[in-house]
């Protein structure tokens, strides 16, 4: 776990898991946020994890429940020679089991960036080790651009400047999210296709990417 945290640049990875375990309820939708309580030297019921750098997500059309939409790939990988800042895609997740995507729109849902996908390795066949998880960092909606008609997102930060994070079960992911950097008056000259997600702090949620997003 410590090696994984170092590889992915997540110094609070172990405390995040401990906070999740302290308040999670099996088969219930997990809320993002809340008070950080676990210490960096906290103890976990497992010491090793499996990690995935890619996954594919597929869903049915909201207009025809019998039509299976093409699968879409998601990347969650640390820094490489080609991706100096890593490659971390964003998704829309459920935070309210009573709200249905896409009919409820963003009500009961949140936009987050995937920072790691993992599964605990445990000697016992517990429910914990049978579920896949994601470490995510949250965005907040600040406004709706009246010209582009898209939501404007910013990284959710704590008073310390750290990004709001949490652990969620992978089954809370609904669809990939396509984010476009929101430059403001001046664009960062260092932005390119590999760095824009990490060097930008404000984004548009691209509603024109898919039909489901457009009508959500």
N, C-alpha and C. Protein backbone atom coordinates (compact mmCIF):
# COMPACT_ATOMS: atom_id res chain seq x y z
N UNK A 1 0.83 -1.20 0.00
CA UNK A 1 0.00 0.00 0.00
C UNK A 1 0.87 1.26 0.00
N UNK A 2 1.93 1.26 0.79
CA UNK A 2 2.82 2.43 0.85
C UNK A 2 3.51 2.66 -0.49
N UNK A 3 3.92 1.60 -1.15
CA UNK A 3 4.57 1.73 -2.46
C UNK A 3 3.59 2.25 -3.49
N UNK A 4 2.35 1.79 -3.44
CA UNK A 4 1.33 2.27 -4.37
C UNK A 4 1.06 3.75 -4.15
N UNK A 5 0.98 4.16 -2.89
CA UNK A 5 0.74 5.57 -2.58
C UNK A 5 1.86 6.45 -3.11
N UNK A 6 3.09 5.97 -2.99
CA UNK A 6 4.23 6.74 -3.49
C UNK A 6 4.22 6.80 -5.01
N UNK A 7 3.93 5.68 -5.67
CA UNK A 7 3.91 5.63 -7.13
C UNK A 7 2.87 6.57 -7.71
N UNK A 8 1.70 6.65 -7.07
CA UNK A 8 0.61 7.48 -7.59
C UNK A 8 0.58 8.88 -6.97
N UNK A 9 1.53 9.17 -6.10
CA UNK A 9 1.58 10.50 -5.51
C UNK A 9 0.40 10.81 -4.61
N UNK A 10 0.00 9.81 -3.80
CA UNK A 10 -1.15 9.96 -2.91
C UNK A 10 -0.71 9.72 -1.47
N UNK A 11 -0.12 10.73 -0.82
CA UNK A 11 0.39 10.53 0.54
C UNK A 11 -0.68 10.19 1.56
N UNK A 12 -1.94 10.51 1.26
CA UNK A 12 -3.02 10.23 2.21
C UNK A 12 -3.83 9.00 1.81
N UNK A 13 -3.25 8.14 0.99
CA UNK A 13 -3.98 6.98 0.49
C UNK A 13 -4.40 6.05 1.63
N UNK A 14 -3.46 5.72 2.51
CA UNK A 14 -3.79 4.82 3.62
C UNK A 14 -4.84 5.43 4.56
N UNK A 15 -4.70 6.69 4.99
CA UNK A 15 -5.76 7.29 5.81
C UNK A 15 -7.11 7.35 5.10
N UNK A 16 -7.09 7.55 3.78
CA UNK A 16 -8.36 7.59 3.03
C UNK A 16 -9.07 6.25 3.11
N UNK A 17 -8.31 5.16 2.99
CA UNK A 17 -8.91 3.82 3.12
C UNK A 17 -9.46 3.63 4.53
N UNK A 18 -8.69 4.04 5.53
CA UNK A 18 -9.14 3.89 6.92
C UNK A 18 -10.41 4.68 7.19
N UNK A 19 -10.49 5.91 6.66
CA UNK A 19 -11.70 6.71 6.84
C UNK A 19 -12.90 6.04 6.17
N UNK A 20 -12.67 5.47 4.99
CA UNK A 20 -13.76 4.77 4.30
C UNK A 20 -14.24 3.57 5.12
N UNK A 21 -13.31 2.78 5.60
CA UNK A 21 -13.68 1.58 6.37
C UNK A 21 -14.40 1.94 7.66
N UNK A 22 -14.08 3.10 8.21
CA UNK A 22 -14.68 3.50 9.49
C UNK A 22 -16.14 3.89 9.35
N UNK A 23 -16.57 4.27 8.15
CA UNK A 23 -17.94 4.75 8.03
C UNK A 23 -18.73 4.13 6.89
N UNK A 24 -18.15 3.17 6.17
CA UNK A 24 -18.89 2.63 5.03
C UNK A 24 -19.92 1.60 5.50
N UNK A 25 -20.92 1.40 4.65
CA UNK A 25 -21.93 0.38 4.87
C UNK A 25 -22.05 -0.42 3.59
N UNK A 26 -21.93 -1.71 3.68
CA UNK A 26 -21.94 -2.56 2.50
C UNK A 26 -23.21 -2.34 1.68
N UNK A 27 -23.00 -2.24 0.36
CA UNK A 27 -24.09 -2.13 -0.62
C UNK A 27 -24.84 -0.80 -0.56
N UNK A 28 -24.35 0.16 0.21
CA UNK A 28 -24.95 1.48 0.25
C UNK A 28 -24.06 2.46 -0.49
N UNK A 29 -24.68 3.46 -1.13
CA UNK A 29 -23.92 4.46 -1.85
C UNK A 29 -23.06 5.27 -0.88
N UNK A 30 -21.80 5.41 -1.21
CA UNK A 30 -20.86 6.08 -0.32
C UNK A 30 -20.76 7.56 -0.68
N UNK A 31 -20.92 8.43 0.30
CA UNK A 31 -20.83 9.87 0.11
C UNK A 31 -19.36 10.31 0.14
N UNK A 32 -19.05 11.29 -0.71
CA UNK A 32 -17.69 11.83 -0.74
C UNK A 32 -17.58 13.01 0.22
N UNK A 33 -16.47 13.07 0.94
CA UNK A 33 -16.26 14.18 1.86
C UNK A 33 -16.35 13.72 3.30
N UNK A 34 -16.62 14.64 4.17
CA UNK A 34 -16.65 14.31 5.59
C UNK A 34 -15.30 14.60 6.23
N UNK A 35 -15.29 14.52 7.51
CA UNK A 35 -14.09 14.85 8.27
C UNK A 35 -13.01 13.79 8.10
N UNK A 36 -11.78 14.24 7.90
CA UNK A 36 -10.65 13.32 7.85
C UNK A 36 -10.22 13.00 9.28
N UNK A 37 -10.23 11.75 9.64
CA UNK A 37 -9.94 11.37 11.01
C UNK A 37 -8.72 10.47 11.16
N UNK A 38 -8.48 9.60 10.18
CA UNK A 38 -7.39 8.63 10.29
C UNK A 38 -6.02 9.32 10.22
N UNK A 39 -5.06 8.75 10.93
CA UNK A 39 -3.69 9.27 10.94
C UNK A 39 -2.85 8.54 9.88
N UNK A 40 -1.75 9.15 9.43
CA UNK A 40 -0.91 8.52 8.41
C UNK A 40 -0.39 7.15 8.80
N UNK A 41 -0.19 6.89 10.10
CA UNK A 41 0.34 5.60 10.55
C UNK A 41 -0.77 4.63 10.97
N UNK A 42 -1.99 4.87 10.49
CA UNK A 42 -3.13 4.01 10.86
C UNK A 42 -2.93 2.58 10.37
N UNK A 43 -3.61 1.65 11.01
CA UNK A 43 -3.53 0.24 10.66
C UNK A 43 -4.73 -0.16 9.81
N UNK A 44 -4.49 -1.00 8.80
CA UNK A 44 -5.55 -1.49 7.92
C UNK A 44 -5.65 -3.01 8.04
N UNK A 45 -6.81 -3.58 7.70
CA UNK A 45 -6.98 -5.04 7.79
C UNK A 45 -6.33 -5.79 6.63
N UNK A 46 -5.62 -5.09 5.76
CA UNK A 46 -4.88 -5.73 4.67
C UNK A 46 -3.65 -4.87 4.38
N UNK A 47 -2.66 -5.47 3.70
CA UNK A 47 -1.39 -4.78 3.46
C UNK A 47 -1.03 -4.69 1.99
N UNK A 48 -1.76 -5.40 1.14
CA UNK A 48 -1.44 -5.41 -0.29
C UNK A 48 -2.71 -5.17 -1.11
N UNK A 49 -2.51 -4.59 -2.28
CA UNK A 49 -3.63 -4.33 -3.19
C UNK A 49 -3.22 -4.67 -4.62
N UNK A 50 -4.20 -4.96 -5.45
CA UNK A 50 -4.02 -5.05 -6.89
C UNK A 50 -4.45 -3.72 -7.49
N UNK A 51 -3.74 -3.29 -8.53
CA UNK A 51 -4.01 -2.00 -9.16
C UNK A 51 -4.26 -2.18 -10.65
N UNK A 52 -5.22 -1.41 -11.16
CA UNK A 52 -5.52 -1.41 -12.60
C UNK A 52 -5.29 -0.01 -13.15
N UNK A 53 -4.65 0.08 -14.31
CA UNK A 53 -4.40 1.38 -14.94
C UNK A 53 -5.43 1.71 -16.02
N UNK A 54 -6.26 0.74 -16.37
CA UNK A 54 -7.29 0.96 -17.38
C UNK A 54 -8.55 0.19 -16.99
N UNK A 55 -9.68 0.69 -17.40
CA UNK A 55 -10.92 -0.08 -17.32
C UNK A 55 -11.85 0.38 -18.42
N UNK A 56 -12.82 -0.44 -18.71
CA UNK A 56 -13.82 -0.08 -19.71
C UNK A 56 -15.19 -0.08 -19.04
N UNK A 57 -16.01 0.89 -19.42
CA UNK A 57 -17.34 1.02 -18.84
C UNK A 57 -18.36 1.01 -19.97
N UNK A 58 -19.46 0.32 -19.75
CA UNK A 58 -20.49 0.19 -20.78
C UNK A 58 -21.86 0.27 -20.12
N UNK A 59 -22.78 0.94 -20.78
CA UNK A 59 -24.12 1.10 -20.22
C UNK A 59 -25.16 1.02 -21.32
N UNK A 60 -26.41 0.96 -20.91
CA UNK A 60 -27.52 0.93 -21.86
C UNK A 60 -27.99 2.35 -22.15
N UNK A 61 -28.53 2.53 -23.34
CA UNK A 61 -29.06 3.83 -23.74
C UNK A 61 -30.23 4.22 -22.84
N UNK A 62 -30.28 5.49 -22.45
CA UNK A 62 -31.40 5.96 -21.63
C UNK A 62 -32.66 6.12 -22.45
N UNK A 63 -32.54 6.03 -23.77
CA UNK A 63 -33.70 6.18 -24.65
C UNK A 63 -34.24 4.84 -25.12
N UNK A 64 -33.43 3.80 -24.96
CA UNK A 64 -33.86 2.45 -25.32
C UNK A 64 -33.11 1.48 -24.42
N UNK A 65 -33.80 0.95 -23.43
CA UNK A 65 -33.16 0.11 -22.42
C UNK A 65 -32.59 -1.19 -22.99
N UNK A 66 -32.92 -1.51 -24.24
CA UNK A 66 -32.40 -2.72 -24.87
C UNK A 66 -31.15 -2.46 -25.70
N UNK A 67 -30.81 -1.19 -25.89
CA UNK A 67 -29.66 -0.83 -26.71
C UNK A 67 -28.42 -0.64 -25.84
N UNK A 68 -27.42 -1.48 -26.06
CA UNK A 68 -26.18 -1.40 -25.31
C UNK A 68 -25.23 -0.44 -26.04
N UNK A 69 -24.81 0.60 -25.36
CA UNK A 69 -23.94 1.60 -25.96
C UNK A 69 -22.51 1.06 -26.07
N UNK A 70 -21.71 1.60 -27.00
CA UNK A 70 -20.31 1.17 -27.12
C UNK A 70 -19.56 1.40 -25.80
N UNK A 71 -18.65 0.49 -25.50
CA UNK A 71 -17.86 0.64 -24.27
C UNK A 71 -16.87 1.79 -24.42
N UNK A 72 -16.53 2.41 -23.31
CA UNK A 72 -15.59 3.52 -23.31
C UNK A 72 -14.46 3.23 -22.33
N UNK A 73 -13.25 3.55 -22.75
CA UNK A 73 -12.09 3.29 -21.91
C UNK A 73 -11.79 4.43 -20.96
N UNK A 74 -11.27 4.08 -19.79
CA UNK A 74 -10.84 5.06 -18.80
C UNK A 74 -9.41 4.74 -18.40
N UNK A 75 -8.60 5.78 -18.29
CA UNK A 75 -7.19 5.61 -17.92
C UNK A 75 -6.94 6.16 -16.52
N UNK A 76 -6.20 5.40 -15.76
CA UNK A 76 -5.83 5.82 -14.40
C UNK A 76 -4.40 5.33 -14.17
N UNK A 77 -3.44 6.11 -14.64
CA UNK A 77 -2.06 5.65 -14.59
C UNK A 77 -1.13 6.77 -14.12
N UNK A 78 -0.08 6.42 -13.38
CA UNK A 78 0.86 7.42 -12.86
C UNK A 78 1.78 7.95 -13.95
N UNK A 79 2.70 8.79 -13.54
CA UNK A 79 3.61 9.45 -14.48
C UNK A 79 4.42 8.46 -15.30
N UNK A 80 4.52 8.75 -16.61
CA UNK A 80 5.36 7.98 -17.53
C UNK A 80 6.13 8.97 -18.40
N UNK A 81 6.96 8.44 -19.29
CA UNK A 81 7.72 9.32 -20.18
C UNK A 81 6.80 10.11 -21.09
N UNK A 82 5.70 9.50 -21.53
CA UNK A 82 4.77 10.18 -22.43
C UNK A 82 3.74 11.02 -21.70
N UNK A 83 3.44 10.65 -20.46
CA UNK A 83 2.46 11.38 -19.64
C UNK A 83 3.13 11.78 -18.33
N UNK A 84 3.84 12.90 -18.38
CA UNK A 84 4.65 13.32 -17.24
C UNK A 84 3.82 13.52 -15.98
N UNK A 85 2.58 14.01 -16.13
CA UNK A 85 1.72 14.27 -14.98
C UNK A 85 0.78 13.09 -14.69
N UNK A 86 0.98 11.98 -15.38
CA UNK A 86 0.07 10.86 -15.24
C UNK A 86 -1.14 11.05 -16.14
N UNK A 87 -1.98 10.05 -16.18
CA UNK A 87 -3.19 10.10 -17.02
C UNK A 87 -4.37 9.67 -16.16
N UNK A 88 -5.18 10.64 -15.77
CA UNK A 88 -6.26 10.39 -14.82
C UNK A 88 -7.57 10.93 -15.39
N UNK A 89 -8.42 10.04 -15.86
CA UNK A 89 -9.69 10.45 -16.44
C UNK A 89 -10.71 10.78 -15.36
N UNK A 90 -11.76 11.47 -15.78
CA UNK A 90 -12.83 11.87 -14.86
C UNK A 90 -14.13 11.15 -15.19
N UNK A 91 -14.98 11.02 -14.19
CA UNK A 91 -16.25 10.30 -14.35
C UNK A 91 -17.34 10.99 -13.54
N UNK A 92 -18.56 10.64 -13.85
CA UNK A 92 -19.71 11.04 -13.04
C UNK A 92 -20.10 9.85 -12.19
N UNK A 93 -20.25 10.08 -10.89
CA UNK A 93 -20.59 9.00 -9.97
C UNK A 93 -21.91 9.30 -9.26
N UNK A 94 -22.51 8.26 -8.74
CA UNK A 94 -23.74 8.40 -7.95
C UNK A 94 -23.37 8.64 -6.49
N UNK A 95 -24.06 9.58 -5.84
CA UNK A 95 -23.90 9.77 -4.39
C UNK A 95 -25.24 9.68 -3.67
N UNK A 96 -26.30 9.36 -4.42
CA UNK A 96 -27.64 9.22 -3.85
C UNK A 96 -28.33 8.07 -4.56
N UNK A 97 -28.53 6.97 -3.85
CA UNK A 97 -29.13 5.79 -4.45
C UNK A 97 -30.55 5.99 -4.94
N UNK A 98 -31.18 7.09 -4.54
CA UNK A 98 -32.55 7.37 -4.97
C UNK A 98 -32.61 8.17 -6.26
N UNK A 99 -31.46 8.61 -6.76
CA UNK A 99 -31.40 9.37 -8.00
C UNK A 99 -30.86 8.50 -9.12
N UNK A 100 -31.48 8.62 -10.29
CA UNK A 100 -31.14 7.75 -11.41
C UNK A 100 -30.47 8.55 -12.52
N UNK A 101 -29.32 8.07 -12.99
CA UNK A 101 -28.64 8.70 -14.12
C UNK A 101 -29.15 8.10 -15.42
N UNK A 102 -29.40 8.92 -16.48
CA UNK A 102 -29.22 10.38 -16.55
C UNK A 102 -30.51 11.17 -16.27
N UNK A 103 -31.59 10.47 -15.90
CA UNK A 103 -32.89 11.14 -15.76
C UNK A 103 -32.88 12.20 -14.66
N UNK A 104 -32.06 12.01 -13.63
CA UNK A 104 -31.98 13.00 -12.55
C UNK A 104 -30.93 14.08 -12.82
N UNK A 105 -30.25 13.97 -13.97
CA UNK A 105 -29.19 14.92 -14.25
C UNK A 105 -28.09 14.81 -13.20
N UNK A 106 -27.51 15.94 -12.83
CA UNK A 106 -26.45 15.93 -11.83
C UNK A 106 -26.97 15.91 -10.40
N UNK A 107 -28.29 15.96 -10.23
CA UNK A 107 -28.86 15.85 -8.89
C UNK A 107 -28.56 14.45 -8.34
N UNK A 108 -27.93 14.39 -7.19
CA UNK A 108 -27.56 13.10 -6.62
C UNK A 108 -26.32 12.49 -7.24
N UNK A 109 -25.59 13.29 -8.03
CA UNK A 109 -24.38 12.80 -8.69
C UNK A 109 -23.25 13.82 -8.52
N UNK A 110 -22.04 13.37 -8.73
CA UNK A 110 -20.88 14.25 -8.63
C UNK A 110 -19.89 13.92 -9.73
N UNK A 111 -19.06 14.92 -10.06
CA UNK A 111 -17.97 14.73 -11.01
C UNK A 111 -16.69 14.57 -10.21
N UNK A 112 -15.94 13.52 -10.50
CA UNK A 112 -14.69 13.26 -9.78
C UNK A 112 -13.62 12.83 -10.77
N UNK A 113 -12.38 12.99 -10.34
CA UNK A 113 -11.24 12.51 -11.11
C UNK A 113 -10.75 11.21 -10.48
N UNK A 114 -10.58 10.19 -11.30
CA UNK A 114 -10.04 8.91 -10.82
C UNK A 114 -8.54 9.05 -10.61
N UNK A 115 -8.05 8.65 -9.45
CA UNK A 115 -6.62 8.72 -9.16
C UNK A 115 -5.99 7.35 -8.93
N UNK A 116 -6.80 6.35 -8.64
CA UNK A 116 -6.31 4.98 -8.54
C UNK A 116 -7.50 4.04 -8.53
N UNK A 117 -7.33 2.88 -9.17
CA UNK A 117 -8.33 1.81 -9.13
C UNK A 117 -7.64 0.60 -8.50
N UNK A 118 -8.25 0.04 -7.49
CA UNK A 118 -7.57 -1.03 -6.76
C UNK A 118 -8.57 -2.00 -6.14
N UNK A 119 -8.00 -3.12 -5.70
CA UNK A 119 -8.78 -4.15 -5.00
C UNK A 119 -7.91 -4.71 -3.88
N UNK A 120 -8.41 -4.73 -2.65
CA UNK A 120 -7.62 -5.28 -1.54
C UNK A 120 -7.30 -6.75 -1.75
N UNK A 121 -6.12 -7.14 -1.33
CA UNK A 121 -5.73 -8.55 -1.30
C UNK A 121 -5.78 -8.99 0.16
N UNK A 122 -6.71 -9.87 0.45
CA UNK A 122 -6.90 -10.32 1.83
C UNK A 122 -6.88 -11.83 1.87
N UNK A 123 -6.32 -12.37 2.93
CA UNK A 123 -6.26 -13.82 3.07
C UNK A 123 -7.62 -14.45 3.27
N UNK A 124 -8.55 -13.70 3.83
CA UNK A 124 -9.90 -14.21 4.05
C UNK A 124 -10.81 -13.78 2.92
N UNK A 125 -11.82 -14.58 2.65
CA UNK A 125 -12.78 -14.27 1.59
C UNK A 125 -13.84 -13.32 2.12
N UNK A 126 -13.44 -12.12 2.47
CA UNK A 126 -14.36 -11.14 3.02
C UNK A 126 -15.00 -10.34 1.90
N UNK A 127 -16.11 -9.68 2.21
CA UNK A 127 -16.77 -8.83 1.24
C UNK A 127 -15.85 -7.70 0.81
N UNK A 128 -15.03 -7.23 1.73
CA UNK A 128 -14.11 -6.13 1.43
C UNK A 128 -13.18 -6.47 0.27
N UNK A 129 -12.66 -7.68 0.25
CA UNK A 129 -11.70 -8.07 -0.78
C UNK A 129 -12.37 -8.51 -2.08
N UNK A 130 -13.69 -8.51 -2.13
CA UNK A 130 -14.40 -8.89 -3.35
C UNK A 130 -14.90 -7.68 -4.13
N UNK A 131 -14.66 -6.48 -3.61
CA UNK A 131 -15.14 -5.26 -4.24
C UNK A 131 -13.96 -4.47 -4.81
N UNK A 132 -14.17 -3.88 -5.99
CA UNK A 132 -13.17 -3.01 -6.59
C UNK A 132 -13.46 -1.57 -6.14
N UNK A 133 -12.38 -0.82 -5.92
CA UNK A 133 -12.52 0.53 -5.38
C UNK A 133 -11.78 1.55 -6.24
N UNK A 134 -12.13 2.81 -6.03
CA UNK A 134 -11.42 3.91 -6.68
C UNK A 134 -11.11 4.98 -5.64
N UNK A 135 -9.90 5.50 -5.71
CA UNK A 135 -9.55 6.71 -4.96
C UNK A 135 -9.88 7.86 -5.90
N UNK A 136 -10.71 8.78 -5.45
CA UNK A 136 -11.17 9.87 -6.32
C UNK A 136 -10.95 11.22 -5.65
N UNK A 137 -10.86 12.25 -6.49
CA UNK A 137 -10.79 13.63 -6.02
C UNK A 137 -11.95 14.39 -6.65
N UNK A 138 -12.60 15.18 -5.86
CA UNK A 138 -13.90 15.75 -6.22
C UNK A 138 -13.79 17.12 -6.90
N UNK A 139 -14.75 17.37 -7.80
CA UNK A 139 -14.96 18.70 -8.37
C UNK A 139 -16.26 19.27 -7.80
N UNK A 140 -16.35 20.58 -7.74
CA UNK A 140 -17.60 21.23 -7.36
C UNK A 140 -18.09 22.09 -8.52
N UNK A 141 -19.40 22.20 -8.65
CA UNK A 141 -19.99 23.05 -9.68
C UNK A 141 -20.06 24.47 -9.15
N UNK A 142 -19.45 25.41 -9.85
CA UNK A 142 -19.44 26.80 -9.40
C UNK A 142 -20.49 27.65 -10.11
N UNK A 143 -20.82 27.29 -11.36
CA UNK A 143 -21.78 28.08 -12.13
C UNK A 143 -22.13 27.33 -13.40
N UNK A 144 -23.05 27.91 -14.17
CA UNK A 144 -23.37 27.42 -15.51
C UNK A 144 -23.07 28.55 -16.48
N UNK A 145 -22.17 28.30 -17.42
CA UNK A 145 -21.81 29.33 -18.40
C UNK A 145 -23.01 29.59 -19.31
N UNK A 146 -23.50 30.82 -19.31
CA UNK A 146 -24.72 31.15 -20.05
C UNK A 146 -24.52 31.13 -21.56
N UNK A 147 -23.28 31.29 -22.01
CA UNK A 147 -23.01 31.27 -23.45
C UNK A 147 -22.77 29.84 -23.94
N UNK A 148 -21.90 29.12 -23.25
CA UNK A 148 -21.61 27.73 -23.65
C UNK A 148 -22.67 26.77 -23.16
N UNK A 149 -23.46 27.19 -22.16
CA UNK A 149 -24.49 26.34 -21.55
C UNK A 149 -23.90 25.06 -20.99
N UNK A 150 -22.76 25.21 -20.37
CA UNK A 150 -22.09 24.08 -19.73
C UNK A 150 -21.78 24.44 -18.28
N UNK A 151 -21.78 23.42 -17.42
CA UNK A 151 -21.40 23.63 -16.02
C UNK A 151 -19.91 23.95 -15.93
N UNK A 152 -19.58 24.88 -15.06
CA UNK A 152 -18.18 25.21 -14.77
C UNK A 152 -17.80 24.52 -13.46
N UNK A 153 -16.71 23.76 -13.50
CA UNK A 153 -16.26 22.99 -12.34
C UNK A 153 -14.93 23.53 -11.83
N UNK A 154 -14.72 23.39 -10.54
CA UNK A 154 -13.43 23.68 -9.93
C UNK A 154 -13.05 22.53 -9.01
N UNK A 155 -11.76 22.36 -8.81
CA UNK A 155 -11.30 21.34 -7.87
C UNK A 155 -11.79 21.70 -6.47
N UNK A 156 -12.40 20.75 -5.79
CA UNK A 156 -12.84 20.97 -4.41
C UNK A 156 -11.62 20.91 -3.50
N UNK A 157 -11.44 21.97 -2.70
CA UNK A 157 -10.27 22.06 -1.83
C UNK A 157 -10.69 22.23 -0.38
N UNK A 158 -9.88 21.71 0.51
CA UNK A 158 -10.06 21.94 1.93
C UNK A 158 -9.36 23.25 2.32
N UNK A 159 -9.55 23.66 3.55
CA UNK A 159 -8.95 24.91 4.02
C UNK A 159 -7.42 24.85 3.98
N UNK A 160 -6.87 23.64 3.99
CA UNK A 160 -5.42 23.45 3.93
C UNK A 160 -4.88 23.53 2.51
N UNK A 161 -5.78 23.60 1.51
CA UNK A 161 -5.37 23.61 0.12
C UNK A 161 -5.33 22.23 -0.50
N UNK A 162 -5.53 21.18 0.29
CA UNK A 162 -5.54 19.81 -0.23
C UNK A 162 -6.85 19.53 -0.95
N UNK A 163 -6.77 18.72 -1.99
CA UNK A 163 -7.98 18.37 -2.72
C UNK A 163 -8.86 17.43 -1.90
N UNK A 164 -10.17 17.61 -2.00
CA UNK A 164 -11.12 16.75 -1.31
C UNK A 164 -11.09 15.38 -1.97
N UNK A 165 -10.86 14.36 -1.19
CA UNK A 165 -10.71 13.01 -1.74
C UNK A 165 -11.57 12.03 -0.98
N UNK A 166 -11.68 10.83 -1.53
CA UNK A 166 -12.36 9.75 -0.82
C UNK A 166 -12.16 8.46 -1.58
N UNK A 167 -12.56 7.38 -0.94
CA UNK A 167 -12.59 6.05 -1.55
C UNK A 167 -14.04 5.71 -1.83
N UNK A 168 -14.32 5.20 -3.03
CA UNK A 168 -15.67 4.76 -3.36
C UNK A 168 -15.62 3.38 -4.01
N UNK A 169 -16.67 2.59 -3.87
CA UNK A 169 -16.77 1.35 -4.64
C UNK A 169 -16.91 1.68 -6.12
N UNK A 170 -16.32 0.87 -6.96
CA UNK A 170 -16.31 1.15 -8.39
C UNK A 170 -17.72 1.16 -8.98
N UNK A 171 -18.66 0.45 -8.33
CA UNK A 171 -20.01 0.38 -8.90
C UNK A 171 -20.77 1.70 -8.81
N UNK A 172 -20.21 2.70 -8.15
CA UNK A 172 -20.87 4.00 -8.11
C UNK A 172 -20.59 4.83 -9.36
N UNK A 173 -19.65 4.39 -10.20
CA UNK A 173 -19.37 5.11 -11.45
C UNK A 173 -20.53 4.91 -12.41
N UNK A 174 -20.97 6.02 -13.02
CA UNK A 174 -22.07 5.96 -13.98
C UNK A 174 -21.57 6.10 -15.42
N UNK A 175 -20.87 7.19 -15.72
CA UNK A 175 -20.40 7.43 -17.09
C UNK A 175 -19.08 8.21 -17.05
N UNK A 176 -18.29 8.11 -18.12
CA UNK A 176 -17.11 8.99 -18.21
C UNK A 176 -17.55 10.44 -18.34
N UNK A 177 -16.71 11.35 -17.89
CA UNK A 177 -16.97 12.78 -18.01
C UNK A 177 -15.87 13.40 -18.86
N UNK A 178 -16.26 14.25 -19.79
CA UNK A 178 -15.29 14.94 -20.65
C UNK A 178 -15.15 16.37 -20.16
N UNK A 179 -13.96 16.73 -19.68
CA UNK A 179 -13.71 18.06 -19.14
C UNK A 179 -12.85 18.87 -20.10
N UNK A 180 -13.20 20.15 -20.23
CA UNK A 180 -12.45 21.08 -21.07
C UNK A 180 -11.89 22.18 -20.17
N UNK A 181 -10.60 22.45 -20.23
CA UNK A 181 -10.04 23.51 -19.39
C UNK A 181 -10.76 24.84 -19.60
N UNK A 182 -11.06 25.50 -18.49
CA UNK A 182 -11.73 26.81 -18.52
C UNK A 182 -10.64 27.84 -18.25
N UNK A 183 -10.20 28.54 -19.30
CA UNK A 183 -9.00 29.35 -19.20
C UNK A 183 -9.17 30.66 -18.44
N UNK A 184 -10.33 31.25 -18.50
CA UNK A 184 -10.48 32.59 -17.93
C UNK A 184 -9.91 33.62 -18.90
N UNK A 185 -9.31 34.66 -18.38
CA UNK A 185 -8.79 35.73 -19.24
C UNK A 185 -7.50 35.35 -19.94
N UNK A 186 -6.73 34.42 -19.36
CA UNK A 186 -5.45 34.05 -19.94
C UNK A 186 -5.18 32.57 -19.72
N UNK A 187 -4.73 31.91 -20.79
CA UNK A 187 -4.43 30.47 -20.70
C UNK A 187 -3.00 30.25 -20.22
N UNK A 188 -2.82 29.20 -19.46
CA UNK A 188 -1.49 28.80 -19.01
C UNK A 188 -0.68 28.32 -20.22
N UNK A 189 0.47 28.91 -20.45
CA UNK A 189 1.28 28.57 -21.63
C UNK A 189 1.84 27.15 -21.56
N UNK A 190 1.78 26.51 -20.40
CA UNK A 190 2.31 25.15 -20.25
C UNK A 190 1.27 24.08 -20.57
N UNK A 191 0.04 24.49 -20.87
CA UNK A 191 -1.01 23.51 -21.12
C UNK A 191 -0.82 22.81 -22.45
N UNK A 192 -1.00 21.50 -22.44
CA UNK A 192 -1.07 20.69 -23.66
C UNK A 192 -1.98 19.51 -23.38
N UNK A 193 -2.09 18.60 -24.32
CA UNK A 193 -3.04 17.49 -24.16
C UNK A 193 -2.69 16.58 -22.99
N UNK A 194 -1.41 16.56 -22.58
CA UNK A 194 -1.00 15.71 -21.47
C UNK A 194 -1.06 16.42 -20.11
N UNK A 195 -1.00 17.75 -20.11
CA UNK A 195 -0.89 18.47 -18.83
C UNK A 195 -2.13 19.25 -18.44
N UNK A 196 -3.09 19.40 -19.35
CA UNK A 196 -4.22 20.31 -19.10
C UNK A 196 -5.05 19.91 -17.88
N UNK A 197 -5.22 18.62 -17.65
CA UNK A 197 -6.03 18.19 -16.50
C UNK A 197 -5.36 18.51 -15.18
N UNK A 198 -4.03 18.50 -15.16
CA UNK A 198 -3.30 18.69 -13.90
C UNK A 198 -2.92 20.14 -13.64
N UNK A 199 -2.74 20.92 -14.69
CA UNK A 199 -2.31 22.31 -14.52
C UNK A 199 -3.48 23.29 -14.55
N UNK A 200 -4.67 22.79 -14.79
CA UNK A 200 -5.87 23.64 -14.76
C UNK A 200 -6.61 23.39 -13.46
N UNK A 201 -7.29 24.41 -12.98
CA UNK A 201 -8.09 24.26 -11.76
C UNK A 201 -9.58 24.46 -12.02
N UNK A 202 -9.92 24.93 -13.22
CA UNK A 202 -11.31 25.19 -13.58
C UNK A 202 -11.60 24.54 -14.93
N UNK A 203 -12.80 23.94 -15.06
CA UNK A 203 -13.13 23.18 -16.26
C UNK A 203 -14.59 23.39 -16.64
N UNK A 204 -14.87 23.20 -17.92
CA UNK A 204 -16.24 23.02 -18.38
C UNK A 204 -16.54 21.52 -18.38
N UNK A 205 -17.74 21.15 -17.99
CA UNK A 205 -18.22 19.78 -18.17
C UNK A 205 -18.88 19.74 -19.54
N UNK A 206 -18.26 19.05 -20.48
CA UNK A 206 -18.69 19.07 -21.87
C UNK A 206 -19.98 18.28 -22.07
N UNK A 207 -21.10 18.97 -22.10
CA UNK A 207 -22.41 18.33 -22.27
C UNK A 207 -22.65 17.89 -23.70
N UNK A 208 -21.82 18.35 -24.64
CA UNK A 208 -22.02 18.03 -26.05
C UNK A 208 -21.28 16.76 -26.46
N UNK A 209 -20.65 16.12 -25.50
CA UNK A 209 -19.84 14.94 -25.80
C UNK A 209 -20.70 13.74 -26.17
N UNK A 210 -21.80 13.52 -25.45
CA UNK A 210 -22.71 12.41 -25.75
C UNK A 210 -24.15 12.88 -25.62
N UNK A 211 -25.05 12.13 -26.22
CA UNK A 211 -26.47 12.47 -26.15
C UNK A 211 -26.97 12.41 -24.71
N UNK A 212 -26.52 11.40 -23.95
CA UNK A 212 -26.96 11.27 -22.56
C UNK A 212 -26.54 12.49 -21.73
N UNK A 213 -25.30 12.95 -21.92
CA UNK A 213 -24.83 14.12 -21.19
C UNK A 213 -25.59 15.37 -21.62
N UNK A 214 -25.88 15.49 -22.90
CA UNK A 214 -26.56 16.68 -23.41
C UNK A 214 -27.94 16.85 -22.78
N UNK A 215 -28.64 15.76 -22.59
CA UNK A 215 -30.01 15.84 -22.08
C UNK A 215 -30.08 15.65 -20.56
N UNK A 216 -28.95 15.48 -19.91
CA UNK A 216 -28.97 15.28 -18.45
C UNK A 216 -29.12 16.60 -17.72
